[in-house]
Protein backbone atom coordinates (compact mmCIF):
# COMPACT_ATOMS: atom_id res chain seq x y z
CA THR A 1 -9.05 -20.97 39.15
CA ALA A 2 -13.47 -20.43 39.00
CA PRO A 3 -14.59 -19.51 42.37
CA ALA A 4 -16.35 -22.65 43.69
CA ALA A 5 -19.49 -21.43 43.00
CA GLN A 6 -19.07 -20.98 39.22
CA ARG A 7 -17.21 -24.44 38.81
CA ARG A 8 -20.60 -26.41 38.25
CA ALA A 9 -21.86 -24.27 35.89
CA VAL A 10 -18.24 -24.14 34.09
CA LEU A 11 -18.18 -28.02 33.77
CA MET A 12 -21.67 -28.26 32.17
CA VAL A 13 -20.76 -25.39 29.75
CA ALA A 14 -17.59 -27.63 28.98
CA GLY A 15 -19.27 -30.71 28.65
CA LEU A 16 -22.33 -29.78 26.65
CA ALA A 17 -20.09 -27.88 24.06
CA PRO A 18 -19.21 -31.45 21.97
CA LEU A 19 -22.62 -32.06 22.50
CA LEU A 20 -23.81 -29.25 20.83
CA ALA A 21 -21.42 -29.38 18.14
CA ILE A 22 -22.52 -32.93 17.34
CA GLY A 23 -26.02 -32.06 17.19
CA LEU A 24 -25.06 -28.78 14.70
CA TYR A 25 -23.03 -31.18 12.70
CA VAL A 26 -25.90 -33.41 12.46
CA LEU A 27 -28.43 -30.89 11.63
CA ILE A 28 -26.57 -28.73 9.16
CA GLY A 29 -23.58 -30.98 8.47
CA ALA A 30 -22.65 -33.28 5.25
CA PRO A 31 -21.54 -36.47 6.63
CA ASP A 32 -21.91 -38.09 3.40
CA TYR A 33 -20.37 -35.42 1.22
CA PRO A 34 -16.77 -36.79 -0.07
CA ASP A 35 -13.42 -35.75 1.19
CA GLN A 36 -11.24 -32.71 -1.20
CA PRO A 37 -7.93 -34.12 -0.89
CA PHE A 38 -5.71 -30.87 -2.22
CA VAL A 39 -4.26 -33.08 -4.81
CA ALA A 40 -7.31 -33.91 -6.72
CA ARG A 41 -8.68 -30.50 -6.29
CA VAL A 42 -5.51 -29.27 -8.14
CA ALA A 43 -5.36 -31.86 -10.64
CA HIS A 44 -9.02 -30.90 -11.09
CA TRP A 45 -8.14 -27.21 -11.64
CA ARG A 46 -5.27 -27.93 -14.19
CA THR A 47 -8.18 -29.23 -16.58
CA ALA A 48 -10.40 -26.64 -15.98
CA ASP A 49 -10.85 -23.52 -18.22
CA LEU A 50 -8.29 -21.05 -16.21
CA ARG A 51 -10.68 -18.01 -16.27
CA THR A 52 -12.88 -19.82 -13.86
CA LEU A 53 -10.33 -20.10 -11.21
CA THR A 54 -9.83 -17.89 -8.39
CA THR A 55 -6.58 -16.49 -8.12
CA GLN A 56 -5.42 -18.95 -5.12
CA GLU A 57 -6.48 -21.81 -7.36
CA LEU A 58 -4.26 -20.40 -10.08
CA ALA A 59 -1.56 -19.92 -7.94
CA ALA A 60 -2.07 -23.18 -6.67
CA VAL A 61 -1.81 -24.62 -10.30
CA LEU A 62 0.82 -22.72 -10.97
CA ARG A 63 3.32 -23.91 -8.03
CA VAL A 64 2.65 -27.69 -9.16
CA VAL A 65 3.35 -26.67 -12.37
CA THR A 66 6.85 -24.78 -11.81
CA GLN A 67 7.67 -27.31 -9.38
CA GLN A 68 7.37 -29.98 -12.56
CA HIS A 69 8.55 -27.83 -15.20
CA PRO A 70 10.69 -24.85 -13.43
CA ASP A 71 10.98 -21.73 -15.81
CA PRO A 72 11.57 -18.02 -15.36
CA GLU A 73 8.54 -17.37 -17.03
CA GLY A 74 6.33 -19.42 -15.26
CA TYR A 75 7.84 -18.48 -12.14
CA ARG A 76 6.74 -14.44 -13.39
CA PHE A 77 3.10 -15.97 -13.40
CA LEU A 78 3.19 -17.56 -10.20
CA ALA A 79 4.63 -14.27 -8.83
CA LEU A 80 1.56 -12.76 -10.47
CA ALA A 81 -1.00 -14.68 -9.29
CA GLU A 82 0.52 -14.89 -5.72
CA ASN A 83 0.66 -10.86 -5.46
CA GLN A 84 -3.40 -11.09 -6.43
CA SER A 85 -4.47 -13.43 -4.02
CA ASP A 86 -2.34 -11.28 -1.53
CA ASN A 87 0.66 -13.57 -0.65
CA PRO A 88 3.25 -10.98 -1.13
CA SER A 89 5.72 -13.51 0.80
CA GLY A 90 4.96 -15.94 -1.80
CA ALA A 91 5.46 -14.25 -4.89
CA ALA A 92 9.15 -12.92 -3.70
CA ARG A 93 9.97 -16.84 -3.20
CA ALA A 94 8.44 -17.32 -6.91
CA LEU A 95 10.89 -14.44 -7.65
CA ARG A 96 13.83 -15.63 -6.57
CA GLN A 97 13.69 -18.81 -7.86
CA GLY A 98 13.29 -17.57 -11.29
CA LEU A 99 15.97 -15.04 -10.89
CA THR A 100 18.24 -18.07 -9.96
CA MET A 101 17.45 -19.61 -13.43
CA ALA A 102 17.67 -15.94 -15.39
CA PRO A 103 19.98 -13.64 -13.19
CA ASP A 104 19.97 -10.73 -15.86
CA ARG A 105 16.17 -10.60 -16.52
CA ALA A 106 15.83 -6.79 -15.15
CA ASP A 107 11.66 -7.34 -15.25
CA LEU A 108 11.86 -9.84 -12.27
CA TRP A 109 14.01 -7.56 -10.45
CA GLU A 110 11.91 -4.74 -10.27
CA MET A 111 8.73 -7.05 -9.70
CA LEU A 112 11.00 -8.45 -6.86
CA GLY A 113 11.53 -5.05 -5.72
CA VAL A 114 7.71 -4.44 -5.98
CA THR A 115 6.80 -7.05 -3.96
CA LEU A 116 9.28 -6.39 -1.30
CA VAL A 117 7.62 -2.57 -0.57
CA ALA A 118 4.45 -4.94 -0.24
CA GLU A 119 5.45 -7.13 2.17
CA ALA A 120 7.09 -3.89 4.04
CA ASP A 121 3.58 -2.13 4.33
CA GLY A 122 4.73 -0.06 1.78
CA GLN A 123 8.19 0.93 2.91
CA GLU A 124 10.83 0.68 0.62
CA SER A 125 13.05 -1.80 2.60
CA PRO A 126 16.92 -2.48 2.21
CA GLY A 127 15.80 -5.47 -0.05
CA ALA A 128 13.83 -3.71 -2.43
CA VAL A 129 15.73 -0.97 -2.83
CA ALA A 130 18.94 -3.78 -3.92
CA ALA A 131 16.29 -5.63 -6.25
CA PHE A 132 15.65 -2.21 -8.06
CA ARG A 133 19.30 -1.29 -8.17
CA GLU A 134 20.05 -4.99 -9.73
CA ALA A 135 17.21 -4.03 -12.04
CA LEU A 136 18.50 -0.53 -13.05
CA LYS A 137 21.65 -2.14 -13.69
CA ARG A 138 20.41 -4.31 -16.75
CA ASP A 139 17.59 -1.67 -17.84
CA PRO A 140 18.31 1.77 -16.81
CA LYS A 141 15.42 2.95 -18.14
CA LEU A 142 12.61 0.76 -16.08
CA VAL A 143 10.23 3.17 -14.57
CA LEU A 144 8.78 1.66 -11.57
CA ALA A 145 12.20 0.73 -10.25
CA ARG A 146 13.41 4.44 -10.80
CA PHE A 147 10.14 5.69 -9.26
CA HIS A 148 10.63 3.35 -5.90
CA LEU A 149 14.65 4.47 -5.51
CA ALA A 150 13.27 8.10 -5.68
CA ARG A 151 10.76 6.85 -2.77
CA ALA A 152 13.45 5.58 -1.03
CA GLN A 153 15.28 8.54 -0.81
CA GLU A 154 12.52 10.47 0.36
CA GLN A 155 12.10 7.78 3.18
CA SER A 156 15.79 7.96 3.96
CA GLY A 157 15.17 12.03 4.34
CA ASP A 158 17.13 12.92 1.01
CA HIS A 159 14.13 15.26 0.09
CA ALA A 160 15.90 17.03 -2.48
CA GLY A 161 17.52 14.25 -4.31
CA ALA A 162 14.19 12.47 -4.52
CA LEU A 163 12.79 15.67 -5.83
CA ALA A 164 15.32 15.93 -8.30
CA SER A 165 14.77 11.38 -9.46
CA LEU A 166 11.40 12.39 -9.68
CA ARG A 167 11.77 15.33 -11.91
CA ALA A 168 14.41 13.43 -14.15
CA LEU A 169 11.96 10.58 -14.46
CA GLN A 170 9.31 12.78 -15.53
CA ALA A 171 11.41 14.40 -18.32
CA ASP A 172 11.75 11.16 -19.71
CA LEU A 173 8.34 9.79 -19.77
CA PRO A 174 6.52 10.52 -22.98
CA ALA A 175 3.52 13.15 -22.60
CA ASP A 176 0.90 10.28 -23.46
CA ASP A 177 2.26 8.06 -20.82
CA PRO A 178 -1.02 7.01 -18.65
CA ARG A 179 1.92 7.18 -15.47
CA ARG A 180 2.27 10.77 -15.80
CA GLN A 181 -0.61 11.19 -13.53
CA GLY A 182 0.55 9.36 -10.65
CA LEU A 183 4.03 10.73 -10.85
CA ASP A 184 2.84 14.02 -11.43
CA GLN A 185 1.06 14.23 -8.36
CA ALA A 186 4.08 12.38 -6.33
CA ILE A 187 6.39 15.53 -7.51
CA ARG A 188 3.36 17.95 -6.25
CA GLU A 189 3.61 16.29 -2.55
CA ALA A 190 7.14 16.21 -2.61
CA GLU A 191 7.61 20.08 -3.25
CA ALA A 192 4.67 20.46 -1.17
CA ALA A 193 6.31 18.81 1.57
CA PRO A 194 7.99 20.63 4.62
CA ALA A 195 11.94 21.02 3.68
CA PRO A 196 14.01 18.11 5.87
CA GLY A 197 14.47 19.43 9.60
CA ALA A 198 11.30 21.84 9.14
CA ALA A 199 9.78 19.87 11.97
CA ALA A 200 13.01 20.35 14.29
CA THR A 201 13.31 23.58 12.92
CA VAL A 202 10.34 24.93 14.47
CA ALA A 203 10.55 22.64 17.75
CA ALA A 204 13.93 24.63 18.31
CA ALA A 205 12.37 28.04 17.71
CA PRO A 206 11.07 29.99 20.60
CA PRO A 207 7.81 29.51 21.53
CA ALA A 208 6.46 33.06 20.21
CA GLU A 209 7.81 32.19 17.06
CA GLN A 210 6.57 28.41 16.98
CA LEU A 211 3.13 29.59 16.04
CA GLN A 212 4.34 32.20 13.01
CA MET A 213 6.67 29.42 11.55
CA ILE A 214 3.46 26.60 11.26
CA ARG A 215 1.02 29.28 9.84
CA GLY A 216 4.02 30.34 7.20
CA MET A 217 4.22 26.39 6.04
CA VAL A 218 0.35 26.27 6.09
CA ALA A 219 0.20 29.57 3.99
CA GLY A 220 2.68 27.85 1.40
CA LEU A 221 0.41 24.92 1.09
CA ALA A 222 -2.96 27.02 0.64
CA ALA A 223 -0.71 29.02 -1.98
CA ARG A 224 -0.21 25.87 -3.94
CA LEU A 225 -3.27 24.57 -3.65
CA GLN A 226 -4.78 27.60 -5.42
CA ALA A 227 -2.41 27.25 -8.44
CA GLN A 228 -2.67 23.22 -8.54
CA PRO A 229 -6.61 22.37 -7.17
CA ASP A 230 -6.46 18.48 -7.96
CA ASP A 231 -5.10 17.42 -5.20
CA PRO A 232 -7.08 15.51 -2.42
CA GLU A 233 -4.50 14.72 -0.06
CA GLY A 234 -3.68 18.56 0.26
CA TRP A 235 -6.89 19.94 0.48
CA GLU A 236 -7.07 17.48 3.48
CA ARG A 237 -3.66 18.74 5.10
CA LEU A 238 -4.87 22.22 4.60
CA VAL A 239 -8.13 21.45 6.32
CA ARG A 240 -6.62 19.49 9.14
CA ALA A 241 -4.06 22.48 9.79
CA TYR A 242 -6.90 25.36 10.10
CA ALA A 243 -8.77 23.13 12.45
CA VAL A 244 -5.61 22.41 14.21
CA LEU A 245 -4.53 26.23 14.47
CA GLY A 246 -8.35 26.77 15.63
CA ASP A 247 -8.94 29.29 12.35
CA THR A 248 -12.73 28.00 12.28
CA ARG A 249 -13.02 30.59 9.16
CA ALA A 250 -10.26 29.79 7.37
CA ARG A 251 -11.02 25.74 7.77
CA ASP A 252 -14.57 26.12 6.45
CA GLU A 253 -13.47 28.50 3.75
CA ALA A 254 -10.78 25.38 2.62
CA LEU A 255 -13.43 22.57 3.57
CA ALA A 256 -16.11 24.57 0.93
CA LYS A 257 -13.04 24.94 -1.26
CA GLY A 258 -11.98 21.19 -1.49
CA LYS A 259 -15.61 19.63 -1.30
CA ALA A 260 -16.40 21.94 -4.64
CA GLN A 261 -13.35 20.94 -6.18
CA PHE A 262 -14.13 16.77 -5.41
CA ALA A 263 -18.16 16.89 -5.89
CA GLY A 264 -18.28 14.02 -7.42
CA ARG A 265 -15.80 11.80 -5.29
CA PRO A 266 -17.40 11.11 -1.98
CA ALA A 267 -14.28 9.18 -0.37
CA VAL A 268 -12.73 12.29 -0.57
CA LEU A 269 -15.78 14.47 0.67
CA ALA A 270 -15.71 12.35 3.66
CA ARG A 271 -11.93 12.21 4.52
CA LEU A 272 -12.46 16.26 4.32
CA GLU A 273 -15.47 16.50 7.35
CA THR A 274 -13.28 14.14 9.54
CA ALA A 275 -10.29 16.61 8.74
CA ALA A 276 -12.32 19.55 9.38
CA LYS A 277 -13.44 17.64 13.12
CA THR A 278 -9.97 17.90 14.33
CA GLU A 279 -9.52 19.01 17.55
CA PRO A 280 -7.82 22.46 17.62
CA MET A 281 -4.22 22.48 19.84
CA LYS A 282 -4.78 23.94 23.30
C-alpha cells in the first residue's frame, strides 16, 4: 500500500534486514555453542544445589518431580515456586492437583484462595471466595481466609459486615502476632471509608448541599488522622481532598503534617507531593 516512490526503499530495507541479521550473528553470536534442550537443563537443575536455582528453575524441577511422584506436599511446594515466579495460574493448577489428592487440607484451600486473588489482580473473585469458605469449613481459625472473606464483604458493598468480621479477627489474634499491624491498618481504613451509598447520597443532594457534605467527610478524615496519624494512605487522601476543594491553606497544612509524620519514607513523601498537585474541581 506504500506510494510508488517509496516502494523501492521499502523493498531495499526488507531485503537488507536478513543480511544485517546474519552479519550481527557472525559478529556477536555463538554458532559453535551447543544446544541446551530443556529436558537436559531440568536434569542438571535436579542435581544442583537447590539454593543456587532461580524460582523459575525450581518450579521446572518441581513440575517434573510431581509428575513422576504425585504428592500433595510436592504440589504445595510447586505452587509456592510458581507464585514466586509470578505465575499464579500455574500455582492454582498445582494446588488443584494437590487438592484432588488431599481435599481435606485446609491450608491448600486457603493457599488456593490467595493465589486466585493474585490472579484476579487483588479482587476477591468468586473462585477465591469459594476456596476460602472450603478452607474455613476445615479450619475455622485460619487467619488469611477470614481476612480475605472480610475483604470480599467490603468489595460486595457490605461495609458493616466487613468491619465486624475484621474486628472479630482482631479480637482472636494474640497481641504479639505480627499480622496485627496489617489487620489494624485494614480496620482503620474500613472505619474511615464512607458509608455505603455515601457517594450516591451526595450526588442526590441539592448542589448547594453537596459541597457541605463533602467537606464534612473530609473533616471526619482529618479528625481521625489527628488521633491515628500512622496512616500514609489517609494523609494522601486528605491532601488530595483539600487540593480538589481548592483549600490551599488546609492542603499545605496537611501536606506539612504528613511529611513530618513520614519524614523517613521517601515513597510516601513522593505520593503526598503528587496528591498536593491535584487540580481543584471547577
